[in-house]
Amino acid sequence: MIIKEVVSEELLTLAEIKNILNKIQDERLKNGEELRYEQRRAIEHANKFAKTSAESSRALVEALLKLEKMKPEIAIRIADIMPKTKDELRSIYAKERYTLVEKELETILGLVNDRA
């Protein structure tokens, strides 16, 4: 695929990508067009690994962004992975220059469990 220019850029959760890809798939099937290999693989990946709906994942990202020490990239990653333990959550923050205290970890896990 040749891309001529980037029109816009936005961070999306895997669940939101799944919805977009499924709409593209439905549109192409309706028009009698085949999906390319890359498109089929992307749809397969999104269907396999998206853990929540697009609405609940976006709501989780919005709730996470209200917290201190939360970057949009990390909020998206948390919504995609949906960590269950503090160790899983710490691994997401491993490359950051700061660490989270127990209360912050519990708050984030509480938000994740509310949306799961």
PDB file of N, CA and C in Angstrom:
ATOM      1  N   MET A   1       0.846  -1.166   0.000  1.00  0.00           N
ATOM      2  CA  MET A   1       0.000   0.000   0.000  1.00  0.00           C
ATOM      3  C   MET A   1       0.900   1.240   0.000  1.00  0.00           C
ATOM      4  N   ILE A   2       0.590   2.174  -0.860  1.00  0.00           N
ATOM      5  CA  ILE A   2       1.362   3.406  -0.949  1.00  0.00           C
ATOM      6  C   ILE A   2       0.549   4.523  -0.295  1.00  0.00           C
ATOM      7  N   ILE A   3       1.178   5.181   0.652  1.00  0.00           N
ATOM      8  CA  ILE A   3       0.520   6.280   1.357  1.00  0.00           C
ATOM      9  C   ILE A   3       1.140   7.570   0.867  1.00  0.00           C
ATOM     10  N   LYS A   4       0.309   8.469   0.378  1.00  0.00           N
ATOM     11  CA  LYS A   4       0.811   9.719  -0.174  1.00  0.00           C
ATOM     12  C   LYS A   4       1.003  10.779   0.892  1.00  0.00           C
ATOM     13  N   GLU A   5       0.063  10.890   1.813  1.00  0.00           N
ATOM     14  CA  GLU A   5       0.193  11.868   2.886  1.00  0.00           C
ATOM     15  C   GLU A   5      -0.668  11.450   4.071  1.00  0.00           C
ATOM     16  N   VAL A   6      -0.275  11.883   5.225  1.00  0.00           N
ATOM     17  CA  VAL A   6      -1.033  11.601   6.437  1.00  0.00           C
ATOM     18  C   VAL A   6      -2.026  12.748   6.614  1.00  0.00           C
ATOM     19  N   VAL A   7      -3.306  12.416   6.643  1.00  0.00           N
ATOM     20  CA  VAL A   7      -4.348  13.427   6.776  1.00  0.00           C
ATOM     21  C   VAL A   7      -4.536  13.808   8.235  1.00  0.00           C
ATOM     22  N   SER A   8      -4.599  12.795   9.104  1.00  0.00           N
ATOM     23  CA  SER A   8      -4.724  13.050  10.532  1.00  0.00           C
ATOM     24  C   SER A   8      -4.168  11.848  11.286  1.00  0.00           C
ATOM     25  N   GLU A   9      -3.921  12.073  12.552  1.00  0.00           N
ATOM     26  CA  GLU A   9      -3.365  11.027  13.388  1.00  0.00           C
ATOM     27  C   GLU A   9      -4.086  11.052  14.729  1.00  0.00           C
ATOM     28  N   GLU A  10      -4.485   9.871  15.195  1.00  0.00           N
ATOM     29  CA  GLU A  10      -5.232   9.775  16.447  1.00  0.00           C
ATOM     30  C   GLU A  10      -4.903   8.446  17.117  1.00  0.00           C
ATOM     31  N   LEU A  11      -4.770   8.463  18.429  1.00  0.00           N
ATOM     32  CA  LEU A  11      -4.541   7.232  19.174  1.00  0.00           C
ATOM     33  C   LEU A  11      -5.869   6.517  19.372  1.00  0.00           C
ATOM     34  N   LEU A  12      -5.901   5.234  19.010  1.00  0.00           N
ATOM     35  CA  LEU A  12      -7.113   4.435  19.144  1.00  0.00           C
ATOM     36  C   LEU A  12      -6.817   3.170  19.929  1.00  0.00           C
ATOM     37  N   THR A  13      -7.822   2.683  20.620  1.00  0.00           N
ATOM     38  CA  THR A  13      -7.683   1.409  21.310  1.00  0.00           C
ATOM     39  C   THR A  13      -7.890   0.285  20.303  1.00  0.00           C
ATOM     40  N   LEU A  14      -7.485  -0.900  20.669  1.00  0.00           N
ATOM     41  CA  LEU A  14      -7.634  -2.051  19.787  1.00  0.00           C
ATOM     42  C   LEU A  14      -9.119  -2.343  19.518  1.00  0.00           C
ATOM     43  N   ALA A  15      -9.964  -2.136  20.496  1.00  0.00           N
ATOM     44  CA  ALA A  15     -11.401  -2.359  20.307  1.00  0.00           C
ATOM     45  C   ALA A  15     -11.976  -1.378  19.286  1.00  0.00           C
ATOM     46  N   GLU A  16     -11.514  -0.132  19.306  1.00  0.00           N
ATOM     47  CA  GLU A  16     -11.972   0.849  18.325  1.00  0.00           C
ATOM     48  C   GLU A  16     -11.473   0.491  16.926  1.00  0.00           C
ATOM     49  N   ILE A  17     -10.250   0.007  16.853  1.00  0.00           N
ATOM     50  CA  ILE A  17      -9.698  -0.429  15.575  1.00  0.00           C
ATOM     51  C   ILE A  17     -10.484  -1.618  15.043  1.00  0.00           C
ATOM     52  N   LYS A  18     -10.860  -2.511  15.932  1.00  0.00           N
ATOM     53  CA  LYS A  18     -11.664  -3.679  15.538  1.00  0.00           C
ATOM     54  C   LYS A  18     -12.965  -3.234  14.880  1.00  0.00           C
ATOM     55  N   ASN A  19     -13.642  -2.251  15.472  1.00  0.00           N
ATOM     56  CA  ASN A  19     -14.880  -1.745  14.886  1.00  0.00           C
ATOM     57  C   ASN A  19     -14.644  -1.149  13.504  1.00  0.00           C
ATOM     58  N   ILE A  20     -13.605  -0.361  13.362  1.00  0.00           N
ATOM     59  CA  ILE A  20     -13.291   0.270  12.076  1.00  0.00           C
ATOM     60  C   ILE A  20     -12.984  -0.793  11.023  1.00  0.00           C
ATOM     61  N   LEU A  21     -12.149  -1.765  11.385  1.00  0.00           N
ATOM     62  CA  LEU A  21     -11.784  -2.815  10.430  1.00  0.00           C
ATOM     63  C   LEU A  21     -12.986  -3.670  10.039  1.00  0.00           C
ATOM     64  N   ASN A  22     -13.868  -3.958  10.991  1.00  0.00           N
ATOM     65  CA  ASN A  22     -15.062  -4.740  10.668  1.00  0.00           C
ATOM     66  C   ASN A  22     -16.001  -3.973   9.739  1.00  0.00           C
ATOM     67  N   LYS A  23     -16.093  -2.652   9.906  1.00  0.00           N
ATOM     68  CA  LYS A  23     -16.896  -1.838   8.989  1.00  0.00           C
ATOM     69  C   LYS A  23     -16.296  -1.866   7.579  1.00  0.00           C
ATOM     70  N   ILE A  24     -14.980  -1.765   7.495  1.00  0.00           N
ATOM     71  CA  ILE A  24     -14.301  -1.830   6.192  1.00  0.00           C
ATOM     72  C   ILE A  24     -14.540  -3.188   5.549  1.00  0.00           C
ATOM     73  N   GLN A  25     -14.451  -4.243   6.340  1.00  0.00           N
ATOM     74  CA  GLN A  25     -14.681  -5.592   5.823  1.00  0.00           C
ATOM     75  C   GLN A  25     -16.109  -5.734   5.293  1.00  0.00           C
ATOM     76  N   ASP A  26     -17.083  -5.268   6.040  1.00  0.00           N
ATOM     77  CA  ASP A  26     -18.475  -5.350   5.604  1.00  0.00           C
ATOM     78  C   ASP A  26     -18.705  -4.565   4.319  1.00  0.00           C
ATOM     79  N   GLU A  27     -18.097  -3.381   4.246  1.00  0.00           N
ATOM     80  CA  GLU A  27     -18.225  -2.537   3.063  1.00  0.00           C
ATOM     81  C   GLU A  27     -17.627  -3.219   1.826  1.00  0.00           C
ATOM     82  N   ARG A  28     -16.454  -3.794   1.995  1.00  0.00           N
ATOM     83  CA  ARG A  28     -15.797  -4.469   0.873  1.00  0.00           C
ATOM     84  C   ARG A  28     -16.572  -5.708   0.436  1.00  0.00           C
ATOM     85  N   LEU A  29     -17.082  -6.471   1.391  1.00  0.00           N
ATOM     86  CA  LEU A  29     -17.855  -7.660   1.043  1.00  0.00           C
ATOM     87  C   LEU A  29     -19.149  -7.278   0.325  1.00  0.00           C
ATOM     88  N   LYS A  30     -19.756  -6.169   0.753  1.00  0.00           N
ATOM     89  CA  LYS A  30     -20.978  -5.696   0.121  1.00  0.00           C
ATOM     90  C   LYS A  30     -20.721  -5.276  -1.329  1.00  0.00           C
ATOM     91  N   ASN A  31     -19.540  -4.717  -1.576  1.00  0.00           N
ATOM     92  CA  ASN A  31     -19.168  -4.278  -2.926  1.00  0.00           C
ATOM     93  C   ASN A  31     -18.560  -5.410  -3.750  1.00  0.00           C
ATOM     94  N   GLY A  32     -18.441  -6.583  -3.174  1.00  0.00           N
ATOM     95  CA  GLY A  32     -17.883  -7.722  -3.896  1.00  0.00           C
ATOM     96  C   GLY A  32     -16.372  -7.694  -4.042  1.00  0.00           C
ATOM     97  N   GLU A  33     -15.704  -6.910  -3.220  1.00  0.00           N
ATOM     98  CA  GLU A  33     -14.248  -6.803  -3.272  1.00  0.00           C
ATOM     99  C   GLU A  33     -13.620  -7.763  -2.272  1.00  0.00           C
ATOM    100  N   GLU A  34     -12.428  -8.209  -2.590  1.00  0.00           N
ATOM    101  CA  GLU A  34     -11.690  -9.077  -1.671  1.00  0.00           C
ATOM    102  C   GLU A  34     -10.829  -8.247  -0.740  1.00  0.00           C
ATOM    103  N   LEU A  35     -10.584  -8.789   0.433  1.00  0.00           N
ATOM    104  CA  LEU A  35      -9.652  -8.162   1.368  1.00  0.00           C
ATOM    105  C   LEU A  35      -8.245  -8.622   1.033  1.00  0.00           C
ATOM    106  N   ARG A  36      -7.290  -7.716   1.145  1.00  0.00           N
ATOM    107  CA  ARG A  36      -5.903  -8.105   0.948  1.00  0.00           C
ATOM    108  C   ARG A  36      -5.414  -8.879   2.166  1.00  0.00           C
ATOM    109  N   TYR A  37      -4.288  -9.552   2.000  1.00  0.00           N
ATOM    110  CA  TYR A  37      -3.723 -10.381   3.068  1.00  0.00           C
ATOM    111  C   TYR A  37      -3.525  -9.576   4.351  1.00  0.00           C
ATOM    112  N   GLU A  38      -2.949  -8.383   4.235  1.00  0.00           N
ATOM    113  CA  GLU A  38      -2.674  -7.549   5.403  1.00  0.00           C
ATOM    114  C   GLU A  38      -3.955  -7.166   6.126  1.00  0.00           C
ATOM    115  N   GLN A  39      -4.991  -6.884   5.362  1.00  0.00           N
ATOM    116  CA  GLN A  39      -6.265  -6.517   5.962  1.00  0.00           C
ATOM    117  C   GLN A  39      -6.882  -7.703   6.699  1.00  0.00           C
ATOM    118  N   ARG A  40      -6.817  -8.864   6.091  1.00  0.00           N
ATOM    119  CA  ARG A  40      -7.353 -10.059   6.762  1.00  0.00           C
ATOM    120  C   ARG A  40      -6.606 -10.338   8.052  1.00  0.00           C
ATOM    121  N   ARG A  41      -5.287 -10.215   8.026  1.00  0.00           N
ATOM    122  CA  ARG A  41      -4.481 -10.456   9.231  1.00  0.00           C
ATOM    123  C   ARG A  41      -4.783  -9.418  10.317  1.00  0.00           C
ATOM    124  N   ALA A  42      -4.948  -8.165   9.926  1.00  0.00           N
ATOM    125  CA  ALA A  42      -5.252  -7.112  10.894  1.00  0.00           C
ATOM    126  C   ALA A  42      -6.615  -7.358  11.548  1.00  0.00           C
ATOM    127  N   ILE A  43      -7.594  -7.757  10.752  1.00  0.00           N
ATOM    128  CA  ILE A  43      -8.929  -8.048  11.288  1.00  0.00           C
ATOM    129  C   ILE A  43      -8.871  -9.244  12.223  1.00  0.00           C
ATOM    130  N   GLU A  44      -8.139 -10.265  11.819  1.00  0.00           N
ATOM    131  CA  GLU A  44      -7.995 -11.458  12.657  1.00  0.00           C
ATOM    132  C   GLU A  44      -7.346 -11.101  13.996  1.00  0.00           C
ATOM    133  N   HIS A  45      -6.301 -10.299  13.964  1.00  0.00           N
ATOM    134  CA  HIS A  45      -5.609  -9.879  15.182  1.00  0.00           C
ATOM    135  C   HIS A  45      -6.542  -9.068  16.089  1.00  0.00           C
ATOM    136  N   ALA A  46      -7.237  -8.107  15.516  1.00  0.00           N
ATOM    137  CA  ALA A  46      -8.130  -7.261  16.311  1.00  0.00           C
ATOM    138  C   ALA A  46      -9.255  -8.083  16.931  1.00  0.00           C
ATOM    139  N   ASN A  47      -9.823  -9.005  16.176  1.00  0.00           N
ATOM    140  CA  ASN A  47     -10.900  -9.840  16.711  1.00  0.00           C
ATOM    141  C   ASN A  47     -10.403 -10.755  17.817  1.00  0.00           C
ATOM    142  N   LYS A  48      -9.174 -11.207  17.695  1.00  0.00           N
ATOM    143  CA  LYS A  48      -8.622 -12.137  18.677  1.00  0.00           C
ATOM    144  C   LYS A  48      -8.236 -11.448  19.987  1.00  0.00           C
ATOM    145  N   PHE A  49      -7.667 -10.235  19.903  1.00  0.00           N
ATOM    146  CA  PHE A  49      -7.079  -9.625  21.091  1.00  0.00           C
ATOM    147  C   PHE A  49      -7.863  -8.472  21.702  1.00  0.00           C
ATOM    148  N   ALA A  50      -8.889  -7.959  21.047  1.00  0.00           N
ATOM    149  CA  ALA A  50      -9.708  -6.904  21.654  1.00  0.00           C
ATOM    150  C   ALA A  50     -10.505  -7.519  22.801  1.00  0.00           C
ATOM    151  N   LYS A  51     -10.364  -6.955  23.991  1.00  0.00           N
ATOM    152  CA  LYS A  51     -10.949  -7.570  25.178  1.00  0.00           C
ATOM    153  C   LYS A  51     -12.262  -6.932  25.622  1.00  0.00           C
ATOM    154  N   THR A  52     -12.571  -5.744  25.122  1.00  0.00           N
ATOM    155  CA  THR A  52     -13.805  -5.071  25.499  1.00  0.00           C
ATOM    156  C   THR A  52     -14.424  -4.436  24.257  1.00  0.00           C
ATOM    157  N   SER A  53     -15.530  -3.756  24.466  1.00  0.00           N
ATOM    158  CA  SER A  53     -16.153  -3.035  23.352  1.00  0.00           C
ATOM    159  C   SER A  53     -15.442  -1.696  23.158  1.00  0.00           C
ATOM    160  N   ALA A  54     -15.675  -1.093  22.020  1.00  0.00           N
ATOM    161  CA  ALA A  54     -15.039   0.188  21.713  1.00  0.00           C
ATOM    162  C   ALA A  54     -15.488   1.267  22.699  1.00  0.00           C
ATOM    163  N   GLU A  55     -16.755   1.234  23.069  1.00  0.00           N
ATOM    164  CA  GLU A  55     -17.289   2.260  23.976  1.00  0.00           C
ATOM    165  C   GLU A  55     -16.681   2.137  25.367  1.00  0.00           C
ATOM    166  N   SER A  56     -16.598   0.918  25.877  1.00  0.00           N
ATOM    167  CA  SER A  56     -16.050   0.753  27.231  1.00  0.00           C
ATOM    168  C   SER A  56     -14.543   1.010  27.252  1.00  0.00           C
ATOM    169  N   SER A  57     -13.840   0.671  26.174  1.00  0.00           N
ATOM    170  CA  SER A  57     -12.400   0.951  26.154  1.00  0.00           C
ATOM    171  C   SER A  57     -12.138   2.451  26.081  1.00  0.00           C
ATOM    172  N   ARG A  58     -12.952   3.189  25.318  1.00  0.00           N
ATOM    173  CA  ARG A  58     -12.782   4.647  25.248  1.00  0.00           C
ATOM    174  C   ARG A  58     -13.135   5.280  26.585  1.00  0.00           C
ATOM    175  N   ALA A  59     -14.174   4.763  27.247  1.00  0.00           N
ATOM    176  CA  ALA A  59     -14.547   5.281  28.571  1.00  0.00           C
ATOM    177  C   ALA A  59     -13.424   5.037  29.577  1.00  0.00           C
ATOM    178  N   LEU A  60     -12.775   3.888  29.488  1.00  0.00           N
ATOM    179  CA  LEU A  60     -11.649   3.590  30.374  1.00  0.00           C
ATOM    180  C   LEU A  60     -10.497   4.547  30.111  1.00  0.00           C
ATOM    181  N   VAL A  61     -10.187   4.800  28.858  1.00  0.00           N
ATOM    182  CA  VAL A  61      -9.105   5.729  28.518  1.00  0.00           C
ATOM    183  C   VAL A  61      -9.408   7.116  29.073  1.00  0.00           C
ATOM    184  N   GLU A  62     -10.639   7.574  28.907  1.00  0.00           N
ATOM    185  CA  GLU A  62     -11.019   8.893  29.422  1.00  0.00           C
ATOM    186  C   GLU A  62     -10.896   8.945  30.941  1.00  0.00           C
ATOM    187  N   ALA A  63     -11.299   7.887  31.630  1.00  0.00           N
ATOM    188  CA  ALA A  63     -11.191   7.843  33.091  1.00  0.00           C
ATOM    189  C   ALA A  63      -9.718   7.814  33.518  1.00  0.00           C
ATOM    190  N   LEU A  64      -8.899   7.062  32.791  1.00  0.00           N
ATOM    191  CA  LEU A  64      -7.474   6.979  33.133  1.00  0.00           C
ATOM    192  C   LEU A  64      -6.766   8.308  32.915  1.00  0.00           C
ATOM    193  N   LEU A  65      -7.150   9.043  31.890  1.00  0.00           N
ATOM    194  CA  LEU A  65      -6.482  10.315  31.596  1.00  0.00           C
ATOM    195  C   LEU A  65      -6.729  11.366  32.666  1.00  0.00           C
ATOM    196  N   LYS A  66      -7.732  11.162  33.505  1.00  0.00           N
ATOM    197  CA  LYS A  66      -8.000  12.092  34.602  1.00  0.00           C
ATOM    198  C   LYS A  66      -7.027  11.883  35.759  1.00  0.00           C
ATOM    199  N   LEU A  67      -6.319  10.758  35.754  1.00  0.00           N
ATOM    200  CA  LEU A  67      -5.383  10.462  36.834  1.00  0.00           C
ATOM    201  C   LEU A  67      -4.053  11.170  36.619  1.00  0.00           C
ATOM    202  N   GLU A  68      -3.365  11.376  37.730  1.00  0.00           N
ATOM    203  CA  GLU A  68      -2.024  11.950  37.680  1.00  0.00           C
ATOM    204  C   GLU A  68      -1.054  10.896  37.140  1.00  0.00           C
ATOM    205  N   LYS A  69       0.021  11.323  36.505  1.00  0.00           N
ATOM    206  CA  LYS A  69       1.046  10.438  35.946  1.00  0.00           C
ATOM    207  C   LYS A  69       0.513   9.550  34.822  1.00  0.00           C
ATOM    208  N   MET A  70      -0.487  10.012  34.104  1.00  0.00           N
ATOM    209  CA  MET A  70      -1.061   9.204  33.035  1.00  0.00           C
ATOM    210  C   MET A  70      -0.880   9.923  31.709  1.00  0.00           C
ATOM    211  N   LYS A  71      -0.227   9.234  30.791  1.00  0.00           N
ATOM    212  CA  LYS A  71      -0.042   9.742  29.435  1.00  0.00           C
ATOM    213  C   LYS A  71      -1.064   9.057  28.530  1.00  0.00           C
ATOM    214  N   PRO A  72      -1.456   9.698  27.442  1.00  0.00           N
ATOM    215  CA  PRO A  72      -2.418   9.070  26.526  1.00  0.00           C
ATOM    216  C   PRO A  72      -1.943   7.719  25.992  1.00  0.00           C
ATOM    217  N   GLU A  73      -0.658   7.600  25.685  1.00  0.00           N
ATOM    218  CA  GLU A  73      -0.129   6.339  25.159  1.00  0.00           C
ATOM    219  C   GLU A  73      -0.269   5.208  26.171  1.00  0.00           C
ATOM    220  N   ILE A  74      -0.015   5.523  27.429  1.00  0.00           N
ATOM    221  CA  ILE A  74      -0.112   4.510  28.483  1.00  0.00           C
ATOM    222  C   ILE A  74      -1.574   4.148  28.736  1.00  0.00           C
ATOM    223  N   ALA A  75      -2.457   5.138  28.704  1.00  0.00           N
ATOM    224  CA  ALA A  75      -3.884   4.867  28.905  1.00  0.00           C
ATOM    225  C   ALA A  75      -4.409   3.940  27.812  1.00  0.00           C
ATOM    226  N   ILE A  76      -3.988   4.168  26.581  1.00  0.00           N
ATOM    227  CA  ILE A  76      -4.394   3.307  25.460  1.00  0.00           C
ATOM    228  C   ILE A  76      -3.848   1.899  25.676  1.00  0.00           C
ATOM    229  N   ARG A  77      -2.595   1.793  26.091  1.00  0.00           N
ATOM    230  CA  ARG A  77      -1.971   0.486  26.322  1.00  0.00           C
ATOM    231  C   ARG A  77      -2.698  -0.274  27.438  1.00  0.00           C
ATOM    232  N   ILE A  78      -3.063   0.432  28.494  1.00  0.00           N
ATOM    233  CA  ILE A  78      -3.792  -0.203  29.597  1.00  0.00           C
ATOM    234  C   ILE A  78      -5.153  -0.689  29.109  1.00  0.00           C
ATOM    235  N   ALA A  79      -5.853   0.120  28.306  1.00  0.00           N
ATOM    236  CA  ALA A  79      -7.162  -0.273  27.789  1.00  0.00           C
ATOM    237  C   ALA A  79      -7.052  -1.472  26.848  1.00  0.00           C
ATOM    238  N   ASP A  80      -5.946  -1.585  26.127  1.00  0.00           N
ATOM    239  CA  ASP A  80      -5.750  -2.723  25.227  1.00  0.00           C
ATOM    240  C   ASP A  80      -5.408  -4.000  25.979  1.00  0.00           C
ATOM    241  N   ILE A  81      -4.539  -3.879  26.978  1.00  0.00           N
ATOM    242  CA  ILE A  81      -4.053  -5.065  27.702  1.00  0.00           C
ATOM    243  C   ILE A  81      -5.000  -5.489  28.814  1.00  0.00           C
ATOM    244  N   MET A  82      -5.666  -4.525  29.429  1.00  0.00           N
ATOM    245  CA  MET A  82      -6.562  -4.790  30.559  1.00  0.00           C
ATOM    246  C   MET A  82      -5.848  -5.611  31.637  1.00  0.00           C
ATOM    247  N   PRO A  83      -4.807  -5.042  32.252  1.00  0.00           N
ATOM    248  CA  PRO A  83      -4.040  -5.799  33.246  1.00  0.00           C
ATOM    249  C   PRO A  83      -4.897  -6.194  34.447  1.00  0.00           C
ATOM    250  N   LYS A  84      -4.605  -7.372  34.974  1.00  0.00           N
ATOM    251  CA  LYS A  84      -5.352  -7.899  36.125  1.00  0.00           C
ATOM    252  C   LYS A  84      -4.579  -7.776  37.428  1.00  0.00           C
ATOM    253  N   THR A  85      -3.250  -7.711  37.339  1.00  0.00           N
ATOM    254  CA  THR A  85      -2.424  -7.673  38.548  1.00  0.00           C
ATOM    255  C   THR A  85      -1.549  -6.428  38.567  1.00  0.00           C
ATOM    256  N   LYS A  86      -1.011  -6.141  39.723  1.00  0.00           N
ATOM    257  CA  LYS A  86      -0.110  -5.001  39.874  1.00  0.00           C
ATOM    258  C   LYS A  86       1.177  -5.211  39.083  1.00  0.00           C
ATOM    259  N   ASP A  87       1.642  -6.450  38.990  1.00  0.00           N
ATOM    260  CA  ASP A  87       2.861  -6.732  38.238  1.00  0.00           C
ATOM    261  C   ASP A  87       2.666  -6.458  36.747  1.00  0.00           C
ATOM    262  N   GLU A  88       1.513  -6.832  36.216  1.00  0.00           N
ATOM    263  CA  GLU A  88       1.227  -6.538  34.815  1.00  0.00           C
ATOM    264  C   GLU A  88       1.190  -5.033  34.583  1.00  0.00           C
ATOM    265  N   LEU A  89       0.610  -4.312  35.523  1.00  0.00           N
ATOM    266  CA  LEU A  89       0.528  -2.859  35.423  1.00  0.00           C
ATOM    267  C   LEU A  89       1.908  -2.222  35.539  1.00  0.00           C
ATOM    268  N   ARG A  90       2.731  -2.735  36.440  1.00  0.00           N
ATOM    269  CA  ARG A  90       4.099  -2.215  36.571  1.00  0.00           C
ATOM    270  C   ARG A  90       4.896  -2.421  35.289  1.00  0.00           C
ATOM    271  N   SER A  91       4.663  -3.528  34.600  1.00  0.00           N
ATOM    272  CA  SER A  91       5.398  -3.788  33.359  1.00  0.00           C
ATOM    273  C   SER A  91       5.049  -2.762  32.280  1.00  0.00           C
ATOM    274  N   ILE A  92       3.842  -2.235  32.301  1.00  0.00           N
ATOM    275  CA  ILE A  92       3.455  -1.195  31.350  1.00  0.00           C
ATOM    276  C   ILE A  92       4.232   0.090  31.640  1.00  0.00           C
ATOM    277  N   TYR A  93       4.471   0.355  32.900  1.00  0.00           N
ATOM    278  CA  TYR A  93       5.197   1.553  33.320  1.00  0.00           C
ATOM    279  C   TYR A  93       6.715   1.344  33.399  1.00  0.00           C
ATOM    280  N   ALA A  94       7.220   0.210  32.961  1.00  0.00           N
ATOM    281  CA  ALA A  94       8.633  -0.125  33.137  1.00  0.00           C
ATOM    282  C   ALA A  94       9.580   0.872  32.468  1.00  0.00           C
ATOM    283  N   LYS A  95       9.204   1.435  31.344  1.00  0.00           N
ATOM    284  CA  LYS A  95      10.095   2.344  30.620  1.00  0.00           C
ATOM    285  C   LYS A  95       9.981   3.790  31.082  1.00  0.00           C
ATOM    286  N   GLU A  96       9.053   4.067  31.960  1.00  0.00           N
ATOM    287  CA  GLU A  96       8.873   5.435  32.439  1.00  0.00           C
ATOM    288  C   GLU A  96       9.934   5.780  33.476  1.00  0.00           C
ATOM    289  N   ARG A  97      10.133   7.048  33.669  1.00  0.00           N
ATOM    290  CA  ARG A  97      11.147   7.516  34.615  1.00  0.00           C
ATOM    291  C   ARG A  97      10.642   7.549  36.055  1.00  0.00           C
ATOM    292  N   TYR A  98       9.424   7.170  36.256  1.00  0.00           N
ATOM    293  CA  TYR A  98       8.842   7.170  37.594  1.00  0.00           C
ATOM    294  C   TYR A  98       8.122   5.850  37.836  1.00  0.00           C
ATOM    295  N   THR A  99       7.889   5.561  39.085  1.00  0.00           N
ATOM    296  CA  THR A  99       7.144   4.356  39.449  1.00  0.00           C
ATOM    297  C   THR A  99       5.878   4.774  40.180  1.00  0.00           C
ATOM    298  N   LEU A 100       4.944   3.894  40.194  1.00  0.00           N
ATOM    299  CA  LEU A 100       3.673   4.173  40.860  1.00  0.00           C
ATOM    300  C   LEU A 100       3.673   3.588  42.265  1.00  0.00           C
ATOM    301  N   VAL A 101       3.029   4.280  43.174  1.00  0.00           N
ATOM    302  CA  VAL A 101       2.877   3.760  44.528  1.00  0.00           C
ATOM    303  C   VAL A 101       1.678   2.813  44.549  1.00  0.00           C
ATOM    304  N   GLU A 102       1.549   2.070  45.611  1.00  0.00           N
ATOM    305  CA  GLU A 102       0.497   1.049  45.714  1.00  0.00           C
ATOM    306  C   GLU A 102      -0.902   1.633  45.503  1.00  0.00           C
ATOM    307  N   LYS A 103      -1.163   2.797  46.077  1.00  0.00           N
ATOM    308  CA  LYS A 103      -2.493   3.393  45.955  1.00  0.00           C
ATOM    309  C   LYS A 103      -2.810   3.722  44.500  1.00  0.00           C
ATOM    310  N   GLU A 104      -1.830   4.230  43.750  1.00  0.00           N
ATOM    311  CA  GLU A 104      -2.047   4.541  42.334  1.00  0.00           C
ATOM    312  C   GLU A 104      -2.307   3.268  41.527  1.00  0.00           C
ATOM    313  N   LEU A 105      -1.554   2.220  41.836  1.00  0.00           N
ATOM    314  CA  LEU A 105      -1.767   0.940  41.159  1.00  0.00           C
ATOM    315  C   LEU A 105      -3.170   0.407  41.424  1.00  0.00           C
ATOM    316  N   GLU A 106      -3.607   0.481  42.665  1.00  0.00           N
ATOM    317  CA  GLU A 106      -4.935  -0.010  43.034  1.00  0.00           C
ATOM    318  C   GLU A 106      -6.034   0.807  42.358  1.00  0.00           C
ATOM    319  N   THR A 107      -5.825   2.115  42.247  1.00  0.00           N
ATOM    320  CA  THR A 107      -6.816   2.980  41.583  1.00  0.00           C
ATOM    321  C   THR A 107      -6.963   2.600  40.125  1.00  0.00           C
ATOM    322  N   ILE A 108      -5.833   2.396  39.446  1.00  0.00           N
ATOM    323  CA  ILE A 108      -5.871   2.041  38.027  1.00  0.00           C
ATOM    324  C   ILE A 108      -6.506   0.665  37.848  1.00  0.00           C
ATOM    325  N   LEU A 109      -6.123  -0.290  38.680  1.00  0.00           N
ATOM    326  CA  LEU A 109      -6.713  -1.627  38.585  1.00  0.00           C
ATOM    327  C   LEU A 109      -8.210  -1.602  38.882  1.00  0.00           C
ATOM    328  N   GLY A 110      -8.629  -0.732  39.780  1.00  0.00           N
ATOM    329  CA  GLY A 110     -10.045  -0.584  40.079  1.00  0.00           C
ATOM    330  C   GLY A 110     -10.818  -0.073  38.854  1.00  0.00           C
ATOM    331  N   LEU A 111     -10.241   0.898  38.156  1.00  0.00           N
ATOM    332  CA  LEU A 111     -10.871   1.405  36.940  1.00  0.00           C
ATOM    333  C   LEU A 111     -10.953   0.316  35.867  1.00  0.00           C
ATOM    334  N   VAL A 112      -9.888  -0.454  35.742  1.00  0.00           N
ATOM    335  CA  VAL A 112      -9.868  -1.539  34.745  1.00  0.00           C
ATOM    336  C   VAL A 112     -10.916  -2.581  35.078  1.00  0.00           C
ATOM    337  N   ASN A 113     -11.008  -2.962  36.350  1.00  0.00           N
ATOM    338  CA  ASN A 113     -11.979  -3.995  36.756  1.00  0.00           C
ATOM    339  C   ASN A 113     -13.416  -3.505  36.600  1.00  0.00           C
ATOM    340  N   ASP A 114     -13.652  -2.206  36.771  1.00  0.00           N
ATOM    341  CA  ASP A 114     -14.999  -1.663  36.592  1.00  0.00           C
ATOM    342  C   ASP A 114     -15.452  -1.762  35.131  1.00  0.00           C
ATOM    343  N   ARG A 115     -14.496  -1.677  34.203  1.00  0.00           N
ATOM    344  CA  ARG A 115     -14.825  -1.690  32.778  1.00  0.00           C
ATOM    345  C   ARG A 115     -14.758  -3.090  32.164  1.00  0.00           C
ATOM    346  N   ALA A 116     -14.201  -4.052  32.896  1.00  0.00           N
ATOM    347  CA  ALA A 116     -14.031  -5.396  32.330  1.00  0.00           C
ATOM    348  C   ALA A 116     -15.315  -6.173  32.220  1.00  0.00           C
TER     349      ALA A 116
END
